[in-house]
Amino acid sequence: MLIENKIKVIITVVILLIIGILFAIYLFMNDDTYEEINFNEIFEEDDKITNESIENDETEQEIEIAVHVTGEVKNQGLIYVKQGARVADAIEKAGGETSEADLSQINLAYILEDGQKIYIPNKNEKISQYITKNNGNNENNNTDKEDKKVNINTASQSELDELPGIGPSTAQKIIEYREENGNFEKIEDVQNVKGIGDAKFEEIKDKITV
């Protein structure tokens, strides 16, 4: 009798286990939550987001703009900086400022745009603008530059440098001349400056005033 009872108990337990397993399988096969989860899609989406982030980062790093740096920097000329760079970055890329530079007259935090020209003044001059090309919202830009004449008695080196045929060297000579001899009385007097002859005066006479 004991053996038969044990056999019955074992059979009952086995049957219950089988029923439990079948019931679990049934629930698993009919549970929408499990059916909707697609782990491959999840991993693919994560990879897509990661790849897009990497591509965006690389694109931002690769974009460069060209600016022309002149004046009191160690290496004047055309330089390339990353998009979003500031005047301070351009000065650093140009080898840094010279000992004669007056950085108090410019906005080192100004964000640059492609094609701009930056002039770094020296301690012996006062400037009204340090960035030209009329790009961006630089408050020191002369937006009506083409319509206004340059006053040769008050213009800075950078303003004189914008005149046709007048480079930084000649512009400095104009400043030195007026400092030594006083203001020009008429525009023709600018021809007294070494390096400005009849031909060059013809180029600038309609663009200057006193």
Protein backbone atom coordinates (compact mmCIF):
# COMPACT_ATOMS: atom_id res chain seq x y z
CA MET A 1 0.00 0.00 0.00
CA LEU A 2 2.79 2.43 0.87
CA ILE A 3 4.48 1.84 -2.48
CA GLU A 4 1.27 2.40 -4.38
CA ASN A 5 0.61 5.64 -2.46
CA LYS A 6 4.11 6.87 -3.24
CA ILE A 7 3.66 6.06 -6.93
CA LYS A 8 0.35 7.96 -6.97
CA VAL A 9 1.99 10.98 -5.32
CA ILE A 10 4.86 10.96 -7.80
CA ILE A 11 2.49 10.68 -10.75
CA THR A 12 0.39 13.52 -9.38
CA VAL A 13 3.44 15.76 -8.93
CA VAL A 14 4.67 14.98 -12.46
CA ILE A 15 1.26 15.75 -13.93
CA LEU A 16 1.11 19.04 -12.04
CA LEU A 17 4.58 19.97 -13.25
CA ILE A 18 3.64 19.17 -16.84
CA ILE A 19 0.46 21.22 -16.53
CA GLY A 20 2.46 24.11 -15.03
CA ILE A 21 5.02 24.01 -17.82
CA LEU A 22 2.34 23.90 -20.51
CA PHE A 23 0.52 26.78 -18.86
CA ALA A 24 3.70 28.85 -18.70
CA ILE A 25 4.39 28.13 -22.38
CA TYR A 26 0.84 29.16 -23.22
CA LEU A 27 1.23 32.48 -21.38
CA PHE A 28 4.60 33.13 -23.01
CA MET A 29 3.26 32.48 -26.52
CA ASN A 30 0.24 34.74 -26.03
CA ASP A 31 1.87 37.65 -24.13
CA ASP A 32 1.91 40.72 -26.42
CA THR A 33 4.69 42.34 -24.38
CA TYR A 34 7.18 39.66 -25.42
CA GLU A 35 6.01 39.75 -29.01
CA GLU A 36 6.49 43.50 -29.31
CA ILE A 37 10.05 43.60 -28.01
CA ASN A 38 12.56 43.39 -30.83
CA PHE A 39 16.03 43.52 -29.36
CA ASN A 40 17.67 43.73 -32.79
CA GLU A 41 15.74 46.92 -33.56
CA ILE A 42 16.75 48.40 -30.20
CA PHE A 43 20.43 47.73 -30.84
CA GLU A 44 20.17 49.04 -34.42
CA GLU A 45 18.53 52.27 -33.20
CA ASP A 46 21.23 52.79 -30.57
CA ASP A 47 23.93 52.28 -33.20
CA LYS A 48 22.18 54.75 -35.51
CA ILE A 49 22.02 57.45 -32.82
CA THR A 50 25.65 56.88 -31.88
CA ASN A 51 26.81 57.05 -35.50
CA GLU A 52 24.83 60.24 -36.13
CA SER A 53 26.38 61.88 -33.06
CA ILE A 54 29.88 60.93 -34.19
CA GLU A 55 29.21 62.24 -37.72
CA ASN A 56 27.86 65.54 -36.35
CA ASP A 57 30.87 65.97 -34.08
CA GLU A 58 33.27 65.27 -36.94
CA THR A 59 31.43 67.74 -39.22
CA GLU A 60 31.65 70.51 -36.63
CA GLN A 61 35.34 69.87 -36.12
CA GLU A 62 36.10 69.93 -39.85
CA ILE A 63 34.44 73.29 -40.65
CA GLU A 64 37.03 76.06 -40.85
CA ILE A 65 36.85 79.71 -41.85
CA ALA A 66 39.54 81.98 -43.28
CA VAL A 67 40.32 85.37 -41.73
CA HIS A 68 43.03 87.94 -42.46
CA VAL A 69 44.95 89.16 -39.40
CA THR A 70 47.06 92.33 -39.65
CA GLY A 71 48.59 94.88 -37.32
CA GLU A 72 50.35 94.07 -34.07
CA VAL A 73 50.56 90.28 -34.34
CA LYS A 74 53.70 88.24 -34.80
CA ASN A 75 52.59 86.53 -38.04
CA GLN A 76 50.35 88.71 -40.20
CA GLY A 77 48.39 87.10 -43.00
CA LEU A 78 45.65 84.65 -43.83
CA ILE A 79 44.87 82.09 -41.14
CA TYR A 80 42.29 79.35 -40.69
CA VAL A 81 40.29 78.87 -37.51
CA LYS A 82 37.36 76.68 -36.57
CA GLN A 83 33.88 78.01 -37.15
CA GLY A 84 32.76 79.84 -34.04
CA ALA A 85 36.28 80.99 -33.17
CA ARG A 86 36.77 84.38 -31.52
CA VAL A 87 39.18 87.25 -32.09
CA ALA A 88 41.37 85.90 -29.29
CA ASP A 89 41.68 82.58 -31.14
CA ALA A 90 42.71 84.35 -34.36
CA ILE A 91 45.40 86.33 -32.52
CA GLU A 92 46.75 83.14 -30.97
CA LYS A 93 46.77 81.41 -34.38
CA ALA A 94 48.70 84.38 -35.79
CA GLY A 95 51.48 83.80 -33.27
CA GLY A 96 50.11 86.06 -30.56
CA GLU A 97 50.18 89.83 -30.15
CA THR A 98 53.38 91.89 -30.18
CA SER A 99 54.60 93.91 -27.21
CA GLU A 100 53.21 97.05 -28.90
CA ALA A 101 49.67 95.72 -29.27
CA ASP A 102 46.78 97.47 -27.56
CA LEU A 103 44.16 94.78 -26.99
CA SER A 104 41.98 97.10 -24.92
CA GLN A 105 40.60 98.63 -28.12
CA ILE A 106 39.19 95.40 -29.48
CA ASN A 107 36.65 92.81 -28.37
CA LEU A 108 38.59 89.59 -27.86
CA ALA A 109 35.33 87.64 -27.45
CA TYR A 110 33.87 88.69 -30.79
CA ILE A 111 32.83 85.65 -32.87
CA LEU A 112 34.41 85.65 -36.32
CA GLU A 113 32.92 84.90 -39.72
CA ASP A 114 34.54 83.73 -42.93
CA GLY A 115 36.36 86.38 -44.96
CA GLN A 116 36.79 89.01 -42.25
CA LYS A 117 39.90 91.14 -41.79
CA ILE A 118 41.11 91.81 -38.25
CA TYR A 119 43.40 94.71 -37.42
CA ILE A 120 45.24 94.70 -34.08
CA PRO A 121 46.20 98.30 -33.18
CA ASN A 122 49.34 99.49 -31.45
CA LYS A 123 49.53 101.56 -28.29
CA ASN A 124 50.21 104.79 -30.17
CA GLU A 125 47.00 104.91 -32.19
CA LYS A 126 43.27 105.08 -31.67
CA ILE A 127 41.04 103.13 -34.03
CA SER A 128 37.34 103.29 -34.82
CA GLN A 129 37.14 99.82 -36.31
CA TYR A 130 39.16 96.65 -36.10
CA ILE A 131 37.12 94.26 -38.27
CA THR A 132 36.18 94.87 -41.89
CA LYS A 133 34.09 93.17 -44.58
CA ASN A 134 30.77 94.05 -42.96
CA ASN A 135 30.22 90.48 -41.78
CA GLY A 136 28.41 89.79 -38.51
CA ASN A 137 27.15 92.36 -36.03
CA ASN A 138 30.40 94.05 -35.11
CA GLU A 139 29.41 97.44 -33.77
CA ASN A 140 32.76 98.88 -34.84
CA ASN A 141 32.17 97.96 -38.49
CA ASN A 142 31.65 100.88 -40.86
CA THR A 143 28.55 99.58 -42.66
CA ASP A 144 28.48 102.60 -44.98
CA LYS A 145 32.20 102.41 -45.67
CA GLU A 146 31.83 102.51 -49.45
CA ASP A 147 29.66 105.66 -49.28
CA LYS A 148 31.73 107.56 -46.72
CA LYS A 149 34.99 109.30 -47.36
CA VAL A 150 38.02 108.66 -45.15
CA ASN A 151 39.14 111.69 -43.18
CA ILE A 152 42.92 111.66 -43.56
CA ASN A 153 43.27 113.86 -40.46
CA THR A 154 41.50 111.46 -38.10
CA ALA A 155 41.53 108.04 -39.79
CA SER A 156 43.28 105.13 -38.13
CA GLN A 157 45.88 103.00 -39.87
CA SER A 158 43.28 100.31 -40.60
CA GLU A 159 40.91 102.85 -42.18
CA LEU A 160 43.66 104.33 -44.34
CA ASP A 161 44.73 100.82 -45.27
CA GLU A 162 41.30 100.31 -46.89
CA LEU A 163 42.00 103.02 -49.48
CA PRO A 164 43.03 101.71 -52.94
CA GLY A 165 46.79 101.48 -53.29
CA ILE A 166 47.42 102.36 -49.62
CA GLY A 167 48.99 99.56 -47.65
CA PRO A 168 49.85 99.41 -43.93
CA SER A 169 53.24 101.03 -44.48
CA THR A 170 51.90 104.02 -46.39
CA ALA A 171 49.00 104.37 -43.98
CA GLN A 172 51.48 104.61 -41.10
CA LYS A 173 53.44 107.27 -43.00
CA ILE A 174 50.27 109.35 -43.35
CA ILE A 175 49.72 109.15 -39.58
CA GLU A 176 53.35 110.03 -38.83
CA TYR A 177 53.24 112.96 -41.25
CA ARG A 178 50.19 114.56 -39.64
CA GLU A 179 51.63 113.98 -36.15
CA GLU A 180 54.80 115.81 -37.14
CA ASN A 181 53.29 118.54 -39.35
CA GLY A 182 49.73 118.94 -38.12
CA ASN A 183 46.48 118.27 -39.94
CA PHE A 184 46.22 118.33 -43.71
CA GLU A 185 44.58 121.56 -44.88
CA LYS A 186 43.35 120.06 -48.15
CA ILE A 187 43.30 116.58 -49.64
CA GLU A 188 46.05 117.48 -52.11
CA ASP A 189 48.45 117.87 -49.18
CA VAL A 190 48.49 114.10 -48.77
CA GLN A 191 50.87 114.03 -51.73
CA ASN A 192 53.50 115.44 -49.38
CA VAL A 193 53.62 112.00 -47.79
CA LYS A 194 56.44 109.91 -49.18
CA GLY A 195 55.09 107.19 -51.43
CA ILE A 196 51.96 109.05 -52.58
CA GLY A 197 52.50 110.44 -56.05
CA ASP A 198 50.14 111.78 -58.69
CA ALA A 199 48.97 108.36 -59.83
CA LYS A 200 48.15 107.15 -56.34
CA PHE A 201 46.46 110.43 -55.46
CA GLU A 202 44.18 110.04 -58.48
CA GLU A 203 43.10 106.68 -57.10
CA ILE A 204 42.16 108.00 -53.68
CA LYS A 205 41.12 111.63 -54.19
CA ASP A 206 37.42 110.80 -54.48
CA LYS A 207 37.55 108.66 -51.35
CA ILE A 208 39.27 111.02 -48.90
CA THR A 209 38.41 114.26 -47.12
CA VAL A 210 39.85 116.58 -44.46
